[in-house]
Amino acid sequence: RLRAIAVEMAWLWLRHQPDTALARWYHQRVRRFGP
């Protein structure tokens, strides 16, 4: 349950907190390795 909550919250974090270091790390990694 905690794992599912964390994954769901990660998607929402990208939407509501796009300027955080965590969100930037995600977008940089996706750009590097592909969608």
PDB file of all heavy atoms in Angstrom:
ATOM      1  N   ARG A   1       0.833  -1.204   0.000  1.00  0.00           N
ATOM      2  CA  ARG A   1       0.000   0.000   0.000  1.00  0.00           C
ATOM      3  C   ARG A   1       0.865   1.250   0.000  1.00  0.00           C
ATOM      4  O   ARG A   1       0.593   2.200  -0.742  1.00  0.00           O
ATOM      5  CB  ARG A   1      -0.935  -0.017   1.211  1.00  0.00           C
ATOM      6  CG  ARG A   1      -1.935  -1.160   1.203  1.00  0.00           C
ATOM      7  CD  ARG A   1      -2.774  -1.168   2.462  1.00  0.00           C
ATOM      8  NE  ARG A   1      -3.737  -2.251   2.467  1.00  0.00           N
ATOM      9  CZ  ARG A   1      -3.468  -3.481   2.880  1.00  0.00           C
ATOM     10  NH1 ARG A   1      -2.262  -3.768   3.337  1.00  0.00           N
ATOM     11  NH2 ARG A   1      -4.390  -4.422   2.851  1.00  0.00           N
ATOM     12  N   LEU A   2       1.894   1.252   0.827  1.00  0.00           N
ATOM     13  CA  LEU A   2       2.791   2.408   0.859  1.00  0.00           C
ATOM     14  C   LEU A   2       3.515   2.569  -0.468  1.00  0.00           C
ATOM     15  O   LEU A   2       3.734   3.699  -0.928  1.00  0.00           O
ATOM     16  CB  LEU A   2       3.794   2.244   2.006  1.00  0.00           C
ATOM     17  CG  LEU A   2       4.765   3.406   2.222  1.00  0.00           C
ATOM     18  CD1 LEU A   2       4.016   4.690   2.506  1.00  0.00           C
ATOM     19  CD2 LEU A   2       5.737   3.086   3.353  1.00  0.00           C
ATOM     20  N   ARG A   3       3.885   1.456  -1.094  1.00  0.00           N
ATOM     21  CA  ARG A   3       4.563   1.534  -2.394  1.00  0.00           C
ATOM     22  C   ARG A   3       3.633   2.135  -3.447  1.00  0.00           C
ATOM     23  O   ARG A   3       4.044   2.988  -4.241  1.00  0.00           O
ATOM     24  CB  ARG A   3       5.019   0.139  -2.809  1.00  0.00           C
ATOM     25  CG  ARG A   3       5.780   0.120  -4.130  1.00  0.00           C
ATOM     26  CD  ARG A   3       6.467  -1.207  -4.344  1.00  0.00           C
ATOM     27  NE  ARG A   3       5.541  -2.331  -4.417  1.00  0.00           N
ATOM     28  CZ  ARG A   3       5.382  -3.246  -3.472  1.00  0.00           C
ATOM     29  NH1 ARG A   3       6.078  -3.152  -2.353  1.00  0.00           N
ATOM     30  NH2 ARG A   3       4.541  -4.250  -3.620  1.00  0.00           N
ATOM     31  N   ALA A   4       2.378   1.715  -3.477  1.00  0.00           N
ATOM     32  CA  ALA A   4       1.430   2.261  -4.450  1.00  0.00           C
ATOM     33  C   ALA A   4       1.188   3.745  -4.206  1.00  0.00           C
ATOM     34  O   ALA A   4       1.081   4.535  -5.155  1.00  0.00           O
ATOM     35  CB  ALA A   4       0.109   1.490  -4.372  1.00  0.00           C
ATOM     36  N   ILE A   5       1.095   4.132  -2.927  1.00  0.00           N
ATOM     37  CA  ILE A   5       0.907   5.543  -2.599  1.00  0.00           C
ATOM     38  C   ILE A   5       2.097   6.362  -3.077  1.00  0.00           C
ATOM     39  O   ILE A   5       1.936   7.452  -3.644  1.00  0.00           O
ATOM     40  CB  ILE A   5       0.711   5.704  -1.079  1.00  0.00           C
ATOM     41  CG1 ILE A   5      -0.617   5.083  -0.653  1.00  0.00           C
ATOM     42  CG2 ILE A   5       0.760   7.173  -0.669  1.00  0.00           C
ATOM     43  CD1 ILE A   5      -0.751   4.912   0.846  1.00  0.00           C
ATOM     44  N   ALA A   6       3.314   5.844  -2.870  1.00  0.00           N
ATOM     45  CA  ALA A   6       4.519   6.579  -3.260  1.00  0.00           C
ATOM     46  C   ALA A   6       4.591   6.773  -4.771  1.00  0.00           C
ATOM     47  O   ALA A   6       4.954   7.854  -5.248  1.00  0.00           O
ATOM     48  CB  ALA A   6       5.759   5.847  -2.757  1.00  0.00           C
ATOM     49  N   VAL A   7       4.244   5.736  -5.538  1.00  0.00           N
ATOM     50  CA  VAL A   7       4.299   5.848  -7.001  1.00  0.00           C
ATOM     51  C   VAL A   7       3.235   6.827  -7.496  1.00  0.00           C
ATOM     52  O   VAL A   7       3.502   7.678  -8.364  1.00  0.00           O
ATOM     53  CB  VAL A   7       4.113   4.456  -7.646  1.00  0.00           C
ATOM     54  CG1 VAL A   7       3.990   4.581  -9.156  1.00  0.00           C
ATOM     55  CG2 VAL A   7       5.286   3.542  -7.285  1.00  0.00           C
ATOM     56  N   GLU A   8       2.028   6.729  -6.950  1.00  0.00           N
ATOM     57  CA  GLU A   8       0.971   7.660  -7.363  1.00  0.00           C
ATOM     58  C   GLU A   8       1.344   9.102  -7.001  1.00  0.00           C
ATOM     59  O   GLU A   8       1.106  10.033  -7.772  1.00  0.00           O
ATOM     60  CB  GLU A   8      -0.341   7.265  -6.689  1.00  0.00           C
ATOM     61  CG  GLU A   8      -1.532   8.102  -7.127  1.00  0.00           C
ATOM     62  CD  GLU A   8      -2.819   7.653  -6.468  1.00  0.00           C
ATOM     63  OE1 GLU A   8      -2.790   6.637  -5.737  1.00  0.00           O
ATOM     64  OE2 GLU A   8      -3.853   8.329  -6.673  1.00  0.00           O
ATOM     65  N   MET A   9       1.928   9.279  -5.838  1.00  0.00           N
ATOM     66  CA  MET A   9       2.319  10.610  -5.410  1.00  0.00           C
ATOM     67  C   MET A   9       3.456  11.161  -6.267  1.00  0.00           C
ATOM     68  O   MET A   9       3.553  12.378  -6.491  1.00  0.00           O
ATOM     69  CB  MET A   9       2.735  10.567  -3.938  1.00  0.00           C
ATOM     70  CG  MET A   9       2.941  11.917  -3.307  1.00  0.00           C
ATOM     71  SD  MET A   9       3.129  11.776  -1.520  1.00  0.00           S
ATOM     72  CE  MET A   9       4.486  10.603  -1.439  1.00  0.00           C
ATOM     73  N   ALA A  10       4.313  10.274  -6.783  1.00  0.00           N
ATOM     74  CA  ALA A  10       5.414  10.724  -7.637  1.00  0.00           C
ATOM     75  C   ALA A  10       4.888  11.356  -8.923  1.00  0.00           C
ATOM     76  O   ALA A  10       5.413  12.383  -9.379  1.00  0.00           O
ATOM     77  CB  ALA A  10       6.343   9.552  -7.950  1.00  0.00           C
ATOM     78  N   TRP A  11       3.859  10.748  -9.516  1.00  0.00           N
ATOM     79  CA  TRP A  11       3.267  11.341 -10.713  1.00  0.00           C
ATOM     80  C   TRP A  11       2.686  12.717 -10.412  1.00  0.00           C
ATOM     81  O   TRP A  11       2.871  13.674 -11.194  1.00  0.00           O
ATOM     82  CB  TRP A  11       2.178  10.440 -11.274  1.00  0.00           C
ATOM     83  CG  TRP A  11       2.659   9.201 -11.953  1.00  0.00           C
ATOM     84  CD1 TRP A  11       2.492   7.909 -11.545  1.00  0.00           C
ATOM     85  CD2 TRP A  11       3.402   9.113 -13.186  1.00  0.00           C
ATOM     86  NE1 TRP A  11       3.077   7.034 -12.418  1.00  0.00           N
ATOM     87  CE2 TRP A  11       3.637   7.742 -13.451  1.00  0.00           C
ATOM     88  CE3 TRP A  11       3.884  10.061 -14.078  1.00  0.00           C
ATOM     89  CZ2 TRP A  11       4.340   7.305 -14.560  1.00  0.00           C
ATOM     90  CZ3 TRP A  11       4.593   9.621 -15.207  1.00  0.00           C
ATOM     91  CH2 TRP A  11       4.809   8.264 -15.435  1.00  0.00           C
ATOM     92  N   LEU A  12       1.973  12.852  -9.292  1.00  0.00           N
ATOM     93  CA  LEU A  12       1.395  14.142  -8.925  1.00  0.00           C
ATOM     94  C   LEU A  12       2.475  15.152  -8.543  1.00  0.00           C
ATOM     95  O   LEU A  12       2.280  16.367  -8.705  1.00  0.00           O
ATOM     96  CB  LEU A  12       0.409  13.956  -7.770  1.00  0.00           C
ATOM     97  CG  LEU A  12      -0.851  13.151  -8.109  1.00  0.00           C
ATOM     98  CD1 LEU A  12      -1.700  12.930  -6.871  1.00  0.00           C
ATOM     99  CD2 LEU A  12      -1.667  13.858  -9.179  1.00  0.00           C
ATOM    100  N   TRP A  13       3.581  14.671  -8.015  1.00  0.00           N
ATOM    101  CA  TRP A  13       4.672  15.575  -7.660  1.00  0.00           C
ATOM    102  C   TRP A  13       5.213  16.283  -8.892  1.00  0.00           C
ATOM    103  O   TRP A  13       5.563  17.479  -8.841  1.00  0.00           O
ATOM    104  CB  TRP A  13       5.771  14.788  -6.962  1.00  0.00           C
ATOM    105  CG  TRP A  13       6.867  15.641  -6.391  1.00  0.00           C
ATOM    106  CD1 TRP A  13       8.060  15.954  -6.968  1.00  0.00           C
ATOM    107  CD2 TRP A  13       6.867  16.296  -5.115  1.00  0.00           C
ATOM    108  NE1 TRP A  13       8.810  16.746  -6.146  1.00  0.00           N
ATOM    109  CE2 TRP A  13       8.100  16.978  -4.997  1.00  0.00           C
ATOM    110  CE3 TRP A  13       5.962  16.357  -4.075  1.00  0.00           C
ATOM    111  CZ2 TRP A  13       8.435  17.723  -3.876  1.00  0.00           C
ATOM    112  CZ3 TRP A  13       6.286  17.096  -2.948  1.00  0.00           C
ATOM    113  CH2 TRP A  13       7.500  17.765  -2.854  1.00  0.00           C
ATOM    114  N   LEU A  14       5.302  15.581 -10.012  1.00  0.00           N
ATOM    115  CA  LEU A  14       5.779  16.201 -11.252  1.00  0.00           C
ATOM    116  C   LEU A  14       4.845  17.303 -11.710  1.00  0.00           C
ATOM    117  O   LEU A  14       5.284  18.303 -12.303  1.00  0.00           O
ATOM    118  CB  LEU A  14       5.910  15.136 -12.348  1.00  0.00           C
ATOM    119  CG  LEU A  14       6.927  14.015 -12.107  1.00  0.00           C
ATOM    120  CD1 LEU A  14       6.851  12.991 -13.226  1.00  0.00           C
ATOM    121  CD2 LEU A  14       8.338  14.580 -11.976  1.00  0.00           C
ATOM    122  N   ARG A  15       3.556  17.150 -11.430  1.00  0.00           N
ATOM    123  CA  ARG A  15       2.579  18.152 -11.856  1.00  0.00           C
ATOM    124  C   ARG A  15       2.569  19.365 -10.936  1.00  0.00           C
ATOM    125  O   ARG A  15       2.527  20.517 -11.399  1.00  0.00           O
ATOM    126  CB  ARG A  15       1.182  17.534 -11.898  1.00  0.00           C
ATOM    127  CG  ARG A  15       0.088  18.511 -12.338  1.00  0.00           C
ATOM    128  CD  ARG A  15      -1.296  17.918 -12.087  1.00  0.00           C
ATOM    129  NE  ARG A  15      -1.452  16.637 -12.774  1.00  0.00           N
ATOM    130  CZ  ARG A  15      -2.538  15.870 -12.642  1.00  0.00           C
ATOM    131  NH1 ARG A  15      -3.520  16.254 -11.823  1.00  0.00           N
ATOM    132  NH2 ARG A  15      -2.632  14.730 -13.294  1.00  0.00           N
ATOM    133  N   HIS A  16       2.606  19.124  -9.619  1.00  0.00           N
ATOM    134  CA  HIS A  16       2.440  20.220  -8.666  1.00  0.00           C
ATOM    135  C   HIS A  16       3.756  20.818  -8.181  1.00  0.00           C
ATOM    136  O   HIS A  16       3.758  21.924  -7.644  1.00  0.00           O
ATOM    137  CB  HIS A  16       1.632  19.734  -7.450  1.00  0.00           C
ATOM    138  CG  HIS A  16       0.237  19.308  -7.779  1.00  0.00           C
ATOM    139  ND1 HIS A  16      -0.769  20.209  -8.067  1.00  0.00           N
ATOM    140  CD2 HIS A  16      -0.321  18.077  -7.878  1.00  0.00           C
ATOM    141  CE1 HIS A  16      -1.893  19.548  -8.308  1.00  0.00           C
ATOM    142  NE2 HIS A  16      -1.640  18.256  -8.211  1.00  0.00           N
ATOM    143  N   GLN A  17       4.848  20.085  -8.340  1.00  0.00           N
ATOM    144  CA  GLN A  17       6.154  20.574  -7.891  1.00  0.00           C
ATOM    145  C   GLN A  17       7.179  20.440  -9.020  1.00  0.00           C
ATOM    146  O   GLN A  17       8.207  19.765  -8.884  1.00  0.00           O
ATOM    147  CB  GLN A  17       6.626  19.785  -6.662  1.00  0.00           C
ATOM    148  CG  GLN A  17       5.723  19.868  -5.457  1.00  0.00           C
ATOM    149  CD  GLN A  17       5.945  21.147  -4.653  1.00  0.00           C
ATOM    150  OE1 GLN A  17       6.702  22.026  -5.054  1.00  0.00           O
ATOM    151  NE2 GLN A  17       5.294  21.245  -3.507  1.00  0.00           N
ATOM    152  N   PRO A  18       6.932  21.101 -10.175  1.00  0.00           N
ATOM    153  CA  PRO A  18       7.832  20.906 -11.331  1.00  0.00           C
ATOM    154  C   PRO A  18       9.201  21.543 -11.167  1.00  0.00           C
ATOM    155  O   PRO A  18      10.132  21.214 -11.918  1.00  0.00           O
ATOM    156  CB  PRO A  18       7.052  21.564 -12.474  1.00  0.00           C
ATOM    157  CG  PRO A  18       6.213  22.611 -11.794  1.00  0.00           C
ATOM    158  CD  PRO A  18       5.841  22.043 -10.464  1.00  0.00           C
ATOM    159  N   ASP A  19       9.355  22.466 -10.203  1.00  0.00           N
ATOM    160  CA  ASP A  19      10.624  23.179 -10.059  1.00  0.00           C
ATOM    161  C   ASP A  19      11.552  22.548  -9.023  1.00  0.00           C
ATOM    162  O   ASP A  19      12.630  23.094  -8.764  1.00  0.00           O
ATOM    163  CB  ASP A  19      10.351  24.638  -9.655  1.00  0.00           C
ATOM    164  CG  ASP A  19       9.523  25.373 -10.708  1.00  0.00           C
ATOM    165  OD1 ASP A  19       9.706  25.066 -11.898  1.00  0.00           O
ATOM    166  OD2 ASP A  19       8.697  26.220 -10.323  1.00  0.00           O
ATOM    167  N   THR A  20      11.158  21.442  -8.434  1.00  0.00           N
ATOM    168  CA  THR A  20      11.997  20.805  -7.428  1.00  0.00           C
ATOM    169  C   THR A  20      13.160  20.062  -8.089  1.00  0.00           C
ATOM    170  O   THR A  20      13.117  19.718  -9.279  1.00  0.00           O
ATOM    171  CB  THR A  20      11.189  19.829  -6.574  1.00  0.00           C
ATOM    172  OG1 THR A  20      10.582  18.850  -7.437  1.00  0.00           O
ATOM    173  CG2 THR A  20      10.100  20.554  -5.795  1.00  0.00           C
ATOM    174  N   ALA A  21      14.190  19.801  -7.295  1.00  0.00           N
ATOM    175  CA  ALA A  21      15.341  19.061  -7.804  1.00  0.00           C
ATOM    176  C   ALA A  21      14.943  17.643  -8.199  1.00  0.00           C
ATOM    177  O   ALA A  21      15.490  17.085  -9.165  1.00  0.00           O
ATOM    178  CB  ALA A  21      16.444  19.027  -6.743  1.00  0.00           C
ATOM    179  N   LEU A  22      13.988  17.060  -7.482  1.00  0.00           N
ATOM    180  CA  LEU A  22      13.544  15.714  -7.819  1.00  0.00           C
ATOM    181  C   LEU A  22      12.865  15.686  -9.181  1.00  0.00           C
ATOM    182  O   LEU A  22      13.091  14.763  -9.985  1.00  0.00           O
ATOM    183  CB  LEU A  22      12.589  15.202  -6.738  1.00  0.00           C
ATOM    184  CG  LEU A  22      13.197  14.924  -5.361  1.00  0.00           C
ATOM    185  CD1 LEU A  22      12.109  14.539  -4.368  1.00  0.00           C
ATOM    186  CD2 LEU A  22      14.240  13.820  -5.447  1.00  0.00           C
ATOM    187  N   ALA A  23      12.004  16.659  -9.457  1.00  0.00           N
ATOM    188  CA  ALA A  23      11.326  16.702 -10.759  1.00  0.00           C
ATOM    189  C   ALA A  23      12.328  16.935 -11.884  1.00  0.00           C
ATOM    190  O   ALA A  23      12.232  16.324 -12.963  1.00  0.00           O
ATOM    191  CB  ALA A  23      10.255  17.791 -10.753  1.00  0.00           C
ATOM    192  N   ARG A  24      13.304  17.819 -11.661  1.00  0.00           N
ATOM    193  CA  ARG A  24      14.323  18.058 -12.695  1.00  0.00           C
ATOM    194  C   ARG A  24      15.145  16.801 -12.943  1.00  0.00           C
ATOM    195  O   ARG A  24      15.485  16.484 -14.095  1.00  0.00           O
ATOM    196  CB  ARG A  24      15.230  19.224 -12.270  1.00  0.00           C
ATOM    197  CG  ARG A  24      14.527  20.570 -12.238  1.00  0.00           C
ATOM    198  CD  ARG A  24      15.543  21.701 -12.206  1.00  0.00           C
ATOM    199  NE  ARG A  24      16.410  21.612 -11.039  1.00  0.00           N
ATOM    200  CZ  ARG A  24      16.159  22.193  -9.873  1.00  0.00           C
ATOM    201  NH1 ARG A  24      15.042  22.903  -9.719  1.00  0.00           N
ATOM    202  NH2 ARG A  24      16.998  22.078  -8.865  1.00  0.00           N
ATOM    203  N   TRP A  25      15.458  16.078 -11.861  1.00  0.00           N
ATOM    204  CA  TRP A  25      16.214  14.825 -12.031  1.00  0.00           C
ATOM    205  C   TRP A  25      15.425  13.850 -12.895  1.00  0.00           C
ATOM    206  O   TRP A  25      16.004  13.185 -13.772  1.00  0.00           O
ATOM    207  CB  TRP A  25      16.482  14.211 -10.662  1.00  0.00           C
ATOM    208  CG  TRP A  25      17.094  12.842 -10.726  1.00  0.00           C
ATOM    209  CD1 TRP A  25      18.408  12.533 -10.838  1.00  0.00           C
ATOM    210  CD2 TRP A  25      16.394  11.592 -10.708  1.00  0.00           C
ATOM    211  NE1 TRP A  25      18.586  11.174 -10.885  1.00  0.00           N
ATOM    212  CE2 TRP A  25      17.362  10.570 -10.807  1.00  0.00           C
ATOM    213  CE3 TRP A  25      15.062  11.243 -10.621  1.00  0.00           C
ATOM    214  CZ2 TRP A  25      17.011   9.221 -10.826  1.00  0.00           C
ATOM    215  CZ3 TRP A  25      14.714   9.904 -10.625  1.00  0.00           C
ATOM    216  CH2 TRP A  25      15.680   8.900 -10.725  1.00  0.00           C
ATOM    217  N   TYR A  26      14.124  13.741 -12.678  1.00  0.00           N
ATOM    218  CA  TYR A  26      13.293  12.823 -13.462  1.00  0.00           C
ATOM    219  C   TYR A  26      13.311  13.203 -14.946  1.00  0.00           C
ATOM    220  O   TYR A  26      13.528  12.345 -15.812  1.00  0.00           O
ATOM    221  CB  TYR A  26      11.868  12.850 -12.926  1.00  0.00           C
ATOM    222  CG  TYR A  26      10.877  12.098 -13.791  1.00  0.00           C
ATOM    223  CD1 TYR A  26      10.725  10.723 -13.672  1.00  0.00           C
ATOM    224  CD2 TYR A  26      10.118  12.757 -14.750  1.00  0.00           C
ATOM    225  CE1 TYR A  26       9.829  10.035 -14.472  1.00  0.00           C
ATOM    226  CE2 TYR A  26       9.221  12.073 -15.557  1.00  0.00           C
ATOM    227  CZ  TYR A  26       9.084  10.717 -15.411  1.00  0.00           C
ATOM    228  OH  TYR A  26       8.188  10.033 -16.209  1.00  0.00           O
ATOM    229  N   HIS A  27      13.081  14.473 -15.244  1.00  0.00           N
ATOM    230  CA  HIS A  27      13.011  14.897 -16.651  1.00  0.00           C
ATOM    231  C   HIS A  27      14.361  14.747 -17.337  1.00  0.00           C
ATOM    232  O   HIS A  27      14.420  14.351 -18.519  1.00  0.00           O
ATOM    233  CB  HIS A  27      12.520  16.340 -16.722  1.00  0.00           C
ATOM    234  CG  HIS A  27      11.089  16.518 -16.298  1.00  0.00           C
ATOM    235  ND1 HIS A  27      10.041  15.870 -16.931  1.00  0.00           N
ATOM    236  CD2 HIS A  27      10.533  17.255 -15.293  1.00  0.00           C
ATOM    237  CE1 HIS A  27       8.895  16.201 -16.354  1.00  0.00           C
ATOM    238  NE2 HIS A  27       9.163  17.033 -15.356  1.00  0.00           N
ATOM    239  N   GLN A  28      15.444  15.038 -16.642  1.00  0.00           N
ATOM    240  CA  GLN A  28      16.768  14.864 -17.245  1.00  0.00           C
ATOM    241  C   GLN A  28      17.043  13.403 -17.553  1.00  0.00           C
ATOM    242  O   GLN A  28      17.596  13.067 -18.610  1.00  0.00           O
ATOM    243  CB  GLN A  28      17.842  15.415 -16.308  1.00  0.00           C
ATOM    244  CG  GLN A  28      17.831  16.929 -16.168  1.00  0.00           C
ATOM    245  CD  GLN A  28      18.760  17.417 -15.084  1.00  0.00           C
ATOM    246  OE1 GLN A  28      19.441  16.618 -14.424  1.00  0.00           O
ATOM    247  NE2 GLN A  28      18.803  18.732 -14.867  1.00  0.00           N
ATOM    248  N   ARG A  29      16.645  12.520 -16.658  1.00  0.00           N
ATOM    249  CA  ARG A  29      16.897  11.092 -16.875  1.00  0.00           C
ATOM    250  C   ARG A  29      16.053  10.553 -18.033  1.00  0.00           C
ATOM    251  O   ARG A  29      16.528   9.732 -18.824  1.00  0.00           O
ATOM    252  CB  ARG A  29      16.605  10.324 -15.591  1.00  0.00           C
ATOM    253  CG  ARG A  29      17.132   8.895 -15.597  1.00  0.00           C
ATOM    254  CD  ARG A  29      17.020   8.284 -14.219  1.00  0.00           C
ATOM    255  NE  ARG A  29      17.554   6.935 -14.184  1.00  0.00           N
ATOM    256  CZ  ARG A  29      18.828   6.641 -13.986  1.00  0.00           C
ATOM    257  NH1 ARG A  29      19.711   7.625 -13.814  1.00  0.00           N
ATOM    258  NH2 ARG A  29      19.248   5.385 -13.958  1.00  0.00           N
ATOM    259  N   VAL A  30      14.803  11.009 -18.139  1.00  0.00           N
ATOM    260  CA  VAL A  30      13.956  10.559 -19.238  1.00  0.00           C
ATOM    261  C   VAL A  30      14.479  11.077 -20.566  1.00  0.00           C
ATOM    262  O   VAL A  30      14.466  10.357 -21.578  1.00  0.00           O
ATOM    263  CB  VAL A  30      12.500  11.011 -18.989  1.00  0.00           C
ATOM    264  CG1 VAL A  30      11.640  10.770 -20.229  1.00  0.00           C
ATOM    265  CG2 VAL A  30      11.906  10.260 -17.804  1.00  0.00           C
ATOM    266  N   ARG A  31      14.952  12.336 -20.591  1.00  0.00           N
ATOM    267  CA  ARG A  31      15.526  12.866 -21.836  1.00  0.00           C
ATOM    268  C   ARG A  31      16.787  12.102 -22.231  1.00  0.00           C
ATOM    269  O   ARG A  31      17.055  11.889 -23.420  1.00  0.00           O
ATOM    270  CB  ARG A  31      15.845  14.350 -21.672  1.00  0.00           C
ATOM    271  CG  ARG A  31      14.638  15.259 -21.766  1.00  0.00           C
ATOM    272  CD  ARG A  31      15.060  16.703 -21.970  1.00  0.00           C
ATOM    273  NE  ARG A  31      15.830  17.191 -20.843  1.00  0.00           N
ATOM    274  CZ  ARG A  31      15.309  17.809 -19.781  1.00  0.00           C
ATOM    275  NH1 ARG A  31      13.990  18.002 -19.720  1.00  0.00           N
ATOM    276  NH2 ARG A  31      16.076  18.223 -18.805  1.00  0.00           N
ATOM    277  N   ARG A  32      17.535  11.651 -21.227  1.00  0.00           N
ATOM    278  CA  ARG A  32      18.796  10.962 -21.521  1.00  0.00           C
ATOM    279  C   ARG A  32      18.565   9.552 -22.047  1.00  0.00           C
ATOM    280  O   ARG A  32      19.213   9.134 -23.017  1.00  0.00           O
ATOM    281  CB  ARG A  32      19.647  10.926 -20.257  1.00  0.00           C
ATOM    282  CG  ARG A  32      20.972  10.199 -20.422  1.00  0.00           C
ATOM    283  CD  ARG A  32      21.734  10.158 -19.110  1.00  0.00           C
ATOM    284  NE  ARG A  32      22.963   9.394 -19.212  1.00  0.00           N
ATOM    285  CZ  ARG A  32      23.761   9.123 -18.188  1.00  0.00           C
ATOM    286  NH1 ARG A  32      23.441   9.576 -16.965  1.00  0.00           N
ATOM    287  NH2 ARG A  32      24.859   8.404 -18.366  1.00  0.00           N
ATOM    288  N   PHE A  33      17.645   8.822 -21.416  1.00  0.00           N
ATOM    289  CA  PHE A  33      17.451   7.417 -21.770  1.00  0.00           C
ATOM    290  C   PHE A  33      16.215   7.168 -22.641  1.00  0.00           C
ATOM    291  O   PHE A  33      15.964   6.034 -23.032  1.00  0.00           O
ATOM    292  CB  PHE A  33      17.342   6.571 -20.500  1.00  0.00           C
ATOM    293  CG  PHE A  33      18.602   6.542 -19.690  1.00  0.00           C
ATOM    294  CD1 PHE A  33      18.732   7.330 -18.552  1.00  0.00           C
ATOM    295  CD2 PHE A  33      19.668   5.762 -20.071  1.00  0.00           C
ATOM    296  CE1 PHE A  33      19.896   7.316 -17.797  1.00  0.00           C
ATOM    297  CE2 PHE A  33      20.842   5.733 -19.326  1.00  0.00           C
ATOM    298  CZ  PHE A  33      20.959   6.520 -18.185  1.00  0.00           C
ATOM    299  N   GLY A  34      15.435   8.205 -22.916  1.00  0.00           N
ATOM    300  CA  GLY A  34      14.299   8.047 -23.809  1.00  0.00           C
ATOM    301  C   GLY A  34      12.981   7.915 -23.056  1.00  0.00           C
ATOM    302  O   GLY A  34      12.940   7.522 -21.887  1.00  0.00           O
ATOM    303  N   PRO A  35      11.878   8.234 -23.726  1.00  0.00           N
ATOM    304  CA  PRO A  35      10.555   8.211 -23.066  1.00  0.00           C
ATOM    305  C   PRO A  35      10.104   6.810 -22.654  1.00  0.00           C
ATOM    306  O   PRO A  35       9.196   6.687 -21.829  1.00  0.00           O
ATOM    307  CB  PRO A  35       9.623   8.809 -24.121  1.00  0.00           C
ATOM    308  CG  PRO A  35      10.323   8.585 -25.428  1.00  0.00           C
ATOM    309  CD  PRO A  35      11.776   8.670 -25.131  1.00  0.00           C
TER     310      PRO A  35
END
